Amino acid sequence: YFYFFHALRRWVGAQDFFTESLSSDVVIDLGVGYVAGVIAVLVTGPLWLVNTRLKLQGVNIGKKSCNNNQEGSTENEKQQQQQHYTGICQCIYKISKEEGIQTLWNGTLTSIILATNPAINLGIYMMLKRHHLIIDATTATAGRADDDDANSIIRSLEPFVNALLSKFIATIITYPIQVLQTRHRAGIIIKQNEDIDDNFDGETKQSTTRDIGYRLAGMYRGLESKLLQTCLNSAIMFVVYERLVDILTSLMSR
């Protein structure tokens, strides 16, 4: 992703048309980040589908309605055995053979939409880094020339905080699409909540509002754990990325 992003960013920067019509660096970062994300989706889409299948194999994901559950216990067991995968390569081969090779790109449309996630993440991160809106490592380390440990911590703290905030915003915006994508890849059919009475005391408007609220809450189910996982992952990744860039830049300048 970073390779495609920086390659496209350099190409766009060399084009007079883009630099004149898109004066904002944030707009360019968002656009280039989205295109890079789409390319990454098309290349790695099958691996994400295989990852989801391996995690959910053997789990009853509700493909049949509750009325048919009692009649097909042996059928469900047979279906679970047919969906047993032993590894990545075997899973790719079995899906391609039994369901068609196009199945490997199930959820690609939502993945293309979800390319806005890394685009927003990187766009906000580059804006915070460019303008030092939260932490200015250059100013904070100016009076600490002799304290290498403190300088190193401060230089690592800026990308950590910037990546944490940018990934938080990107995840909040795109999380419902991620939920839909996971359900599509796993083949889950969401059954309507039978406990919701659509004719609640004859107040159809109130019932509809409650139904919409229930569905919206369902789209953000598991958000807390997702934020913890993805924000920390992004923060650590950007710290390592920035340090590697500094090391490689210093080595190449010698």
C-alpha atoms as a PDB file:
ATOM      1  CA  TYR A   1       0.000   0.000   0.000  1.00  0.00           C
ATOM      2  CA  PHE A   2       2.744   2.466   0.941  1.00  0.00           C
ATOM      3  CA  TYR A   3       4.656   1.581  -2.231  1.00  0.00           C
ATOM      4  CA  PHE A   4       1.683   2.334  -4.479  1.00  0.00           C
ATOM      5  CA  PHE A   5       0.822   5.445  -2.470  1.00  0.00           C
ATOM      6  CA  HIS A   6       4.254   7.036  -2.743  1.00  0.00           C
ATOM      7  CA  ALA A   7       4.687   5.970  -6.389  1.00  0.00           C
ATOM      8  CA  LEU A   8       1.344   7.544  -7.327  1.00  0.00           C
ATOM      9  CA  ARG A   9       2.051  10.575  -5.130  1.00  0.00           C
ATOM     10  CA  ARG A  10       5.317  11.244  -6.977  1.00  0.00           C
ATOM     11  CA  TRP A  11       3.591  10.790 -10.332  1.00  0.00           C
ATOM     12  CA  VAL A  12       0.770  13.179  -9.410  1.00  0.00           C
ATOM     13  CA  GLY A  13       3.278  15.694  -8.074  1.00  0.00           C
ATOM     14  CA  ALA A  14       5.064  15.677 -11.422  1.00  0.00           C
ATOM     15  CA  GLN A  15       1.862  16.469 -13.357  1.00  0.00           C
ATOM     16  CA  ASP A  16       1.181  20.180 -13.753  1.00  0.00           C
ATOM     17  CA  PHE A  17      -2.534  19.544 -14.285  1.00  0.00           C
ATOM     18  CA  PHE A  18      -3.009  17.986 -10.830  1.00  0.00           C
ATOM     19  CA  THR A  19      -0.798  20.434  -8.974  1.00  0.00           C
ATOM     20  CA  GLU A  20      -2.628  23.408 -10.508  1.00  0.00           C
ATOM     21  CA  SER A  21      -6.207  22.104 -10.171  1.00  0.00           C
ATOM     22  CA  LEU A  22      -5.734  20.463  -6.757  1.00  0.00           C
ATOM     23  CA  SER A  23      -3.916  23.004  -4.663  1.00  0.00           C
ATOM     24  CA  SER A  24      -4.704  21.235  -1.391  1.00  0.00           C
ATOM     25  CA  ASP A  25      -2.237  18.535  -0.341  1.00  0.00           C
ATOM     26  CA  VAL A  26      -4.955  16.893   1.747  1.00  0.00           C
ATOM     27  CA  VAL A  27      -7.180  16.380  -1.321  1.00  0.00           C
ATOM     28  CA  ILE A  28      -4.256  14.897  -3.256  1.00  0.00           C
ATOM     29  CA  ASP A  29      -3.371  12.588  -0.351  1.00  0.00           C
ATOM     30  CA  LEU A  30      -6.980  11.401  -0.069  1.00  0.00           C
ATOM     31  CA  GLY A  31      -7.306  10.748  -3.795  1.00  0.00           C
ATOM     32  CA  VAL A  32      -3.956   8.996  -4.160  1.00  0.00           C
ATOM     33  CA  GLY A  33      -4.569   7.030  -0.964  1.00  0.00           C
ATOM     34  CA  TYR A  34      -7.906   5.801  -2.294  1.00  0.00           C
ATOM     35  CA  VAL A  35      -6.435   4.653  -5.624  1.00  0.00           C
ATOM     36  CA  ALA A  36      -3.583   2.896  -3.823  1.00  0.00           C
ATOM     37  CA  GLY A  37      -6.143   1.226  -1.574  1.00  0.00           C
ATOM     38  CA  VAL A  38      -8.161  -0.023  -4.558  1.00  0.00           C
ATOM     39  CA  ILE A  39      -5.025  -1.555  -6.093  1.00  0.00           C
ATOM     40  CA  ALA A  40      -4.177  -3.239  -2.792  1.00  0.00           C
ATOM     41  CA  VAL A  41      -7.758  -4.572  -2.534  1.00  0.00           C
ATOM     42  CA  LEU A  42      -7.643  -6.180  -5.965  1.00  0.00           C
ATOM     43  CA  VAL A  43      -4.293  -7.825  -5.210  1.00  0.00           C
ATOM     44  CA  THR A  44      -4.963  -9.029  -1.658  1.00  0.00           C
ATOM     45  CA  GLY A  45      -8.758  -9.589  -1.785  1.00  0.00           C
ATOM     46  CA  PRO A  46      -8.558 -13.410  -2.036  1.00  0.00           C
ATOM     47  CA  LEU A  47      -6.284 -13.571   1.008  1.00  0.00           C
ATOM     48  CA  TRP A  48      -8.776 -11.615   3.106  1.00  0.00           C
ATOM     49  CA  LEU A  49     -11.627 -13.901   2.039  1.00  0.00           C
ATOM     50  CA  VAL A  50      -9.544 -16.981   2.885  1.00  0.00           C
ATOM     51  CA  ASN A  51      -8.688 -15.428   6.258  1.00  0.00           C
ATOM     52  CA  THR A  52     -12.392 -14.950   7.031  1.00  0.00           C
ATOM     53  CA  ARG A  53     -13.294 -18.489   5.935  1.00  0.00           C
ATOM     54  CA  LEU A  54     -10.518 -20.040   8.041  1.00  0.00           C
ATOM     55  CA  LYS A  55     -11.608 -18.100  11.120  1.00  0.00           C
ATOM     56  CA  LEU A  56     -15.290 -18.998  10.757  1.00  0.00           C
ATOM     57  CA  GLN A  57     -15.069 -22.591   9.537  1.00  0.00           C
ATOM     58  CA  GLY A  58     -17.133 -24.981  11.626  1.00  0.00           C
ATOM     59  CA  VAL A  59     -19.217 -22.124  13.019  1.00  0.00           C
ATOM     60  CA  ASN A  60     -22.981 -22.129  12.450  1.00  0.00           C
ATOM     61  CA  ILE A  61     -23.418 -18.772  10.751  1.00  0.00           C
ATOM     62  CA  GLY A  62     -27.154 -19.044  10.172  1.00  0.00           C
ATOM     63  CA  LYS A  63     -27.362 -19.703   6.482  1.00  0.00           C
ATOM     64  CA  LYS A  64     -30.666 -21.534   7.020  1.00  0.00           C
ATOM     65  CA  SER A  65     -33.762 -20.098   8.576  1.00  0.00           C
ATOM     66  CA  CYS A  66     -34.691 -21.132  12.095  1.00  0.00           C
ATOM     67  CA  ASN A  67     -37.676 -23.123  10.749  1.00  0.00           C
ATOM     68  CA  ASN A  68     -35.372 -25.471   8.884  1.00  0.00           C
ATOM     69  CA  ASN A  69     -32.783 -25.952  11.643  1.00  0.00           C
ATOM     70  CA  GLN A  70     -34.460 -28.983  13.205  1.00  0.00           C
ATOM     71  CA  GLU A  71     -34.797 -30.985   9.988  1.00  0.00           C
ATOM     72  CA  GLY A  72     -31.189 -30.638   8.845  1.00  0.00           C
ATOM     73  CA  SER A  73     -28.866 -31.512  11.716  1.00  0.00           C
ATOM     74  CA  THR A  74     -27.083 -34.182   9.676  1.00  0.00           C
ATOM     75  CA  GLU A  75     -27.149 -31.924   6.637  1.00  0.00           C
ATOM     76  CA  ASN A  76     -25.524 -29.117   8.618  1.00  0.00           C
ATOM     77  CA  GLU A  77     -22.805 -31.469   9.838  1.00  0.00           C
ATOM     78  CA  LYS A  78     -22.182 -32.597   6.258  1.00  0.00           C
ATOM     79  CA  GLN A  79     -22.018 -28.992   5.106  1.00  0.00           C
ATOM     80  CA  GLN A  80     -19.521 -28.109   7.837  1.00  0.00           C
ATOM     81  CA  GLN A  81     -17.342 -31.064   6.850  1.00  0.00           C
ATOM     82  CA  GLN A  82     -17.408 -29.917   3.230  1.00  0.00           C
ATOM     83  CA  GLN A  83     -16.278 -26.469   4.329  1.00  0.00           C
ATOM     84  CA  HIS A  84     -13.351 -27.745   6.383  1.00  0.00           C
ATOM     85  CA  TYR A  85     -10.114 -26.095   5.287  1.00  0.00           C
ATOM     86  CA  THR A  86      -6.629 -27.218   6.304  1.00  0.00           C
ATOM     87  CA  GLY A  87      -4.613 -24.217   5.148  1.00  0.00           C
ATOM     88  CA  ILE A  88      -4.420 -21.153   2.948  1.00  0.00           C
ATOM     89  CA  CYS A  89      -3.460 -22.885  -0.300  1.00  0.00           C
ATOM     90  CA  GLN A  90      -5.983 -25.691   0.205  1.00  0.00           C
ATOM     91  CA  CYS A  91      -8.696 -23.150   1.025  1.00  0.00           C
ATOM     92  CA  ILE A  92      -7.980 -21.142  -2.152  1.00  0.00           C
ATOM     93  CA  TYR A  93      -7.986 -24.317  -4.257  1.00  0.00           C
ATOM     94  CA  LYS A  94     -11.208 -25.660  -2.725  1.00  0.00           C
ATOM     95  CA  ILE A  95     -13.091 -22.376  -3.064  1.00  0.00           C
ATOM     96  CA  SER A  96     -11.937 -21.985  -6.686  1.00  0.00           C
ATOM     97  CA  LYS A  97     -12.924 -25.536  -7.564  1.00  0.00           C
ATOM     98  CA  GLU A  98     -16.284 -25.773  -5.775  1.00  0.00           C
ATOM     99  CA  GLU A  99     -17.569 -22.196  -5.833  1.00  0.00           C
ATOM    100  CA  GLY A 100     -15.754 -20.690  -8.786  1.00  0.00           C
ATOM    101  CA  ILE A 101     -12.623 -18.563  -8.898  1.00  0.00           C
ATOM    102  CA  GLN A 102     -14.710 -15.379  -8.887  1.00  0.00           C
ATOM    103  CA  THR A 103     -15.792 -16.248  -5.330  1.00  0.00           C
ATOM    104  CA  LEU A 104     -12.294 -15.345  -4.156  1.00  0.00           C
ATOM    105  CA  TRP A 105     -13.194 -11.729  -4.831  1.00  0.00           C
ATOM    106  CA  ASN A 106     -16.491 -11.796  -2.904  1.00  0.00           C
ATOM    107  CA  GLY A 107     -16.944  -8.502  -1.122  1.00  0.00           C
ATOM    108  CA  THR A 108     -14.668  -6.672  -3.571  1.00  0.00           C
ATOM    109  CA  LEU A 109     -17.240  -3.907  -4.061  1.00  0.00           C
ATOM    110  CA  THR A 110     -17.396  -3.192  -0.342  1.00  0.00           C
ATOM    111  CA  SER A 111     -13.597  -3.503  -0.194  1.00  0.00           C
ATOM    112  CA  ILE A 112     -13.287  -0.851  -2.895  1.00  0.00           C
ATOM    113  CA  ILE A 113     -15.610   1.361  -0.881  1.00  0.00           C
ATOM    114  CA  LEU A 114     -13.558   0.541   2.207  1.00  0.00           C
ATOM    115  CA  ALA A 115     -10.443   1.797   0.438  1.00  0.00           C
ATOM    116  CA  THR A 116     -11.647   5.106   1.847  1.00  0.00           C
ATOM    117  CA  ASN A 117     -10.471   3.826   5.259  1.00  0.00           C
ATOM    118  CA  PRO A 118      -6.717   3.864   4.536  1.00  0.00           C
ATOM    119  CA  ALA A 119      -7.225   6.944   2.368  1.00  0.00           C
ATOM    120  CA  ILE A 120      -8.803   8.875   5.252  1.00  0.00           C
ATOM    121  CA  ASN A 121      -6.260   7.412   7.659  1.00  0.00           C
ATOM    122  CA  LEU A 122      -3.253   8.417   5.572  1.00  0.00           C
ATOM    123  CA  GLY A 123      -4.750  11.738   4.499  1.00  0.00           C
ATOM    124  CA  ILE A 124      -5.356  12.844   8.096  1.00  0.00           C
ATOM    125  CA  TYR A 125      -1.994  11.445   9.193  1.00  0.00           C
ATOM    126  CA  MET A 126      -0.096  13.355   6.499  1.00  0.00           C
ATOM    127  CA  MET A 127      -2.001  16.549   7.368  1.00  0.00           C
ATOM    128  CA  LEU A 128      -1.135  16.197  11.074  1.00  0.00           C
ATOM    129  CA  LYS A 129       2.469  15.370  10.221  1.00  0.00           C
ATOM    130  CA  ARG A 130       2.828  18.189   7.687  1.00  0.00           C
ATOM    131  CA  HIS A 131       1.491  20.919   9.977  1.00  0.00           C
ATOM    132  CA  HIS A 132       2.501  19.382  13.354  1.00  0.00           C
ATOM    133  CA  LEU A 133      -1.027  20.026  14.640  1.00  0.00           C
ATOM    134  CA  ILE A 134      -0.754  17.835  17.751  1.00  0.00           C
ATOM    135  CA  ILE A 135       2.928  17.287  18.541  1.00  0.00           C
ATOM    136  CA  ASP A 136       5.830  19.159  16.964  1.00  0.00           C
ATOM    137  CA  ALA A 137       8.832  16.895  17.379  1.00  0.00           C
ATOM    138  CA  THR A 138      11.200  19.384  15.735  1.00  0.00           C
ATOM    139  CA  THR A 139      10.351  22.122  18.248  1.00  0.00           C
ATOM    140  CA  ALA A 140      10.218  19.768  21.236  1.00  0.00           C
ATOM    141  CA  THR A 141      13.695  18.378  20.543  1.00  0.00           C
ATOM    142  CA  ALA A 142      15.333  21.718  19.696  1.00  0.00           C
ATOM    143  CA  GLY A 143      16.587  22.307  23.233  1.00  0.00           C
ATOM    144  CA  ARG A 144      17.532  18.674  23.885  1.00  0.00           C
ATOM    145  CA  ALA A 145      20.538  18.249  21.656  1.00  0.00           C
ATOM    146  CA  ASP A 146      22.434  16.224  24.258  1.00  0.00           C
ATOM    147  CA  ASP A 147      19.558  13.990  25.325  1.00  0.00           C
ATOM    148  CA  ASP A 148      19.333  11.349  22.599  1.00  0.00           C
ATOM    149  CA  ASP A 149      16.922   9.119  24.528  1.00  0.00           C
ATOM    150  CA  ALA A 150      14.425  11.929  25.092  1.00  0.00           C
ATOM    151  CA  ASN A 151      14.691  13.033  21.467  1.00  0.00           C
ATOM    152  CA  SER A 152      14.059   9.495  20.270  1.00  0.00           C
ATOM    153  CA  ILE A 153      10.973   9.157  22.456  1.00  0.00           C
ATOM    154  CA  ILE A 154       9.534  12.481  21.302  1.00  0.00           C
ATOM    155  CA  ARG A 155      10.219  11.700  17.630  1.00  0.00           C
ATOM    156  CA  SER A 156       8.408   8.382  18.057  1.00  0.00           C
ATOM    157  CA  LEU A 157       5.556   9.950  20.004  1.00  0.00           C
ATOM    158  CA  GLU A 158       4.478  12.274  17.187  1.00  0.00           C
ATOM    159  CA  PRO A 159       3.756   9.547  14.573  1.00  0.00           C
ATOM    160  CA  PHE A 160       2.228   7.356  17.296  1.00  0.00           C
ATOM    161  CA  VAL A 161      -0.332   9.980  18.341  1.00  0.00           C
ATOM    162  CA  ASN A 162      -0.997  11.133  14.778  1.00  0.00           C
ATOM    163  CA  ALA A 163      -1.620   7.570  13.566  1.00  0.00           C
ATOM    164  CA  LEU A 164      -3.782   6.795  16.594  1.00  0.00           C
ATOM    165  CA  LEU A 165      -6.075   9.765  15.951  1.00  0.00           C
ATOM    166  CA  SER A 166      -6.242   9.342  12.169  1.00  0.00           C
ATOM    167  CA  LYS A 167      -7.079   5.634  12.400  1.00  0.00           C
ATOM    168  CA  PHE A 168      -9.715   6.344  15.061  1.00  0.00           C
ATOM    169  CA  ILE A 169     -11.513   8.780  12.755  1.00  0.00           C
ATOM    170  CA  ALA A 170     -11.224   6.496   9.721  1.00  0.00           C
ATOM    171  CA  THR A 171     -12.565   3.477  11.645  1.00  0.00           C
ATOM    172  CA  ILE A 172     -15.551   5.368  13.064  1.00  0.00           C
ATOM    173  CA  ILE A 173     -16.541   6.511   9.572  1.00  0.00           C
ATOM    174  CA  THR A 174     -16.144   3.182   7.762  1.00  0.00           C
ATOM    175  CA  TYR A 175     -16.934   0.572  10.446  1.00  0.00           C
ATOM    176  CA  PRO A 176     -20.522  -0.192   9.274  1.00  0.00           C
ATOM    177  CA  ILE A 177     -19.174  -1.020   5.821  1.00  0.00           C
ATOM    178  CA  GLN A 178     -16.599  -3.342   7.398  1.00  0.00           C
ATOM    179  CA  VAL A 179     -19.404  -5.178   9.212  1.00  0.00           C
ATOM    180  CA  LEU A 180     -21.355  -5.633   5.965  1.00  0.00           C
ATOM    181  CA  GLN A 181     -18.228  -6.856   4.205  1.00  0.00           C
ATOM    182  CA  THR A 182     -17.472  -9.474   6.878  1.00  0.00           C
ATOM    183  CA  ARG A 183     -21.059 -10.747   6.780  1.00  0.00           C
ATOM    184  CA  HIS A 184     -20.958 -10.965   2.986  1.00  0.00           C
ATOM    185  CA  ARG A 185     -17.671 -12.865   2.927  1.00  0.00           C
ATOM    186  CA  ALA A 186     -18.857 -15.311   5.564  1.00  0.00           C
ATOM    187  CA  GLY A 187     -22.222 -15.795   3.854  1.00  0.00           C
ATOM    188  CA  ILE A 188     -24.168 -14.658   6.907  1.00  0.00           C
ATOM    189  CA  ILE A 189     -27.835 -13.830   6.450  1.00  0.00           C
ATOM    190  CA  ILE A 190     -29.085 -11.422   9.086  1.00  0.00           C
ATOM    191  CA  LYS A 191     -32.469 -12.401  10.451  1.00  0.00           C
ATOM    192  CA  GLN A 192     -34.790  -9.666  11.555  1.00  0.00           C
ATOM    193  CA  ASN A 193     -35.317  -9.291  15.260  1.00  0.00           C
ATOM    194  CA  GLU A 194     -38.620 -10.972  15.993  1.00  0.00           C
ATOM    195  CA  ASP A 195     -38.880  -9.282  19.376  1.00  0.00           C
ATOM    196  CA  ILE A 196     -39.475  -5.889  17.755  1.00  0.00           C
ATOM    197  CA  ASP A 197     -43.181  -5.248  17.428  1.00  0.00           C
ATOM    198  CA  ASP A 198     -43.730  -3.189  14.320  1.00  0.00           C
ATOM    199  CA  ASN A 199     -47.218  -2.233  15.568  1.00  0.00           C
ATOM    200  CA  PHE A 200     -46.104  -1.100  19.002  1.00  0.00           C
ATOM    201  CA  ASP A 201     -49.308   0.360  20.518  1.00  0.00           C
ATOM    202  CA  GLY A 202     -50.241   1.545  17.058  1.00  0.00           C
ATOM    203  CA  GLU A 203     -47.368   4.033  17.104  1.00  0.00           C
ATOM    204  CA  THR A 204     -45.769   3.110  13.805  1.00  0.00           C
ATOM    205  CA  LYS A 205     -43.391   6.060  13.816  1.00  0.00           C
ATOM    206  CA  GLN A 206     -42.001   5.213  17.245  1.00  0.00           C
ATOM    207  CA  SER A 207     -41.648   1.550  16.287  1.00  0.00           C
ATOM    208  CA  THR A 208     -39.834   2.456  13.076  1.00  0.00           C
ATOM    209  CA  THR A 209     -37.477   4.742  14.978  1.00  0.00           C
ATOM    210  CA  ARG A 210     -36.706   1.982  17.439  1.00  0.00           C
ATOM    211  CA  ASP A 211     -36.131  -0.486  14.582  1.00  0.00           C
ATOM    212  CA  ILE A 212     -33.720   1.915  12.867  1.00  0.00           C
ATOM    213  CA  GLY A 213     -31.905   2.502  16.163  1.00  0.00           C
ATOM    214  CA  TYR A 214     -31.563  -1.245  16.684  1.00  0.00           C
ATOM    215  CA  ARG A 215     -30.130  -1.737  13.206  1.00  0.00           C
ATOM    216  CA  LEU A 216     -27.679   1.162  13.585  1.00  0.00           C
ATOM    217  CA  ALA A 217     -26.511  -0.230  16.928  1.00  0.00           C
ATOM    218  CA  GLY A 218     -25.999  -3.604  15.251  1.00  0.00           C
ATOM    219  CA  MET A 219     -23.802  -2.007  12.596  1.00  0.00           C
ATOM    220  CA  TYR A 220     -21.452  -0.731  15.320  1.00  0.00           C
ATOM    221  CA  ARG A 221     -21.399  -3.954  17.324  1.00  0.00           C
ATOM    222  CA  GLY A 222     -17.861  -4.841  18.380  1.00  0.00           C
ATOM    223  CA  LEU A 223     -16.561  -1.332  17.647  1.00  0.00           C
ATOM    224  CA  GLU A 224     -14.676  -1.063  20.954  1.00  0.00           C
ATOM    225  CA  SER A 225     -12.459  -4.074  20.356  1.00  0.00           C
ATOM    226  CA  LYS A 226     -11.972  -3.063  16.715  1.00  0.00           C
ATOM    227  CA  LEU A 227     -10.823   0.423  17.717  1.00  0.00           C
ATOM    228  CA  LEU A 228      -8.403  -0.984  20.270  1.00  0.00           C
ATOM    229  CA  GLN A 229      -6.930  -3.442  17.784  1.00  0.00           C
ATOM    230  CA  THR A 230      -6.782  -1.297  14.660  1.00  0.00           C
ATOM    231  CA  CYS A 231      -5.696   1.985  16.284  1.00  0.00           C
ATOM    232  CA  LEU A 232      -2.807   0.405  18.181  1.00  0.00           C
ATOM    233  CA  ASN A 233      -1.802  -1.568  15.112  1.00  0.00           C
ATOM    234  CA  SER A 234      -1.794   1.584  12.977  1.00  0.00           C
ATOM    235  CA  ALA A 235       0.109   3.607  15.588  1.00  0.00           C
ATOM    236  CA  ILE A 236       2.866   0.983  15.951  1.00  0.00           C
ATOM    237  CA  MET A 237       3.043   0.519  12.176  1.00  0.00           C
ATOM    238  CA  PHE A 238       3.547   4.233  11.524  1.00  0.00           C
ATOM    239  CA  VAL A 239       6.196   4.544  14.245  1.00  0.00           C
ATOM    240  CA  VAL A 240       8.155   1.681  12.680  1.00  0.00           C
ATOM    241  CA  TYR A 241       7.542   3.117   9.209  1.00  0.00           C
ATOM    242  CA  GLU A 242       8.854   6.575  10.124  1.00  0.00           C
ATOM    243  CA  ARG A 243      11.927   5.147  11.850  1.00  0.00           C
ATOM    244  CA  LEU A 244      12.711   2.946   8.853  1.00  0.00           C
ATOM    245  CA  VAL A 245      12.344   5.939   6.542  1.00  0.00           C
ATOM    246  CA  ASP A 246      14.769   7.940   8.712  1.00  0.00           C
ATOM    247  CA  ILE A 247      17.282   5.082   8.790  1.00  0.00           C
ATOM    248  CA  LEU A 248      17.121   4.403   5.053  1.00  0.00           C
ATOM    249  CA  THR A 249      17.285   8.122   4.222  1.00  0.00           C
ATOM    250  CA  SER A 250      20.398   8.583   6.351  1.00  0.00           C
ATOM    251  CA  LEU A 251      22.035   5.510   4.818  1.00  0.00           C
ATOM    252  CA  MET A 252      21.292   6.621   1.243  1.00  0.00           C
ATOM    253  CA  SER A 253      22.601  10.147   1.896  1.00  0.00           C
ATOM    254  CA  ARG A 254      26.044   8.872   2.881  1.00  0.00           C
END
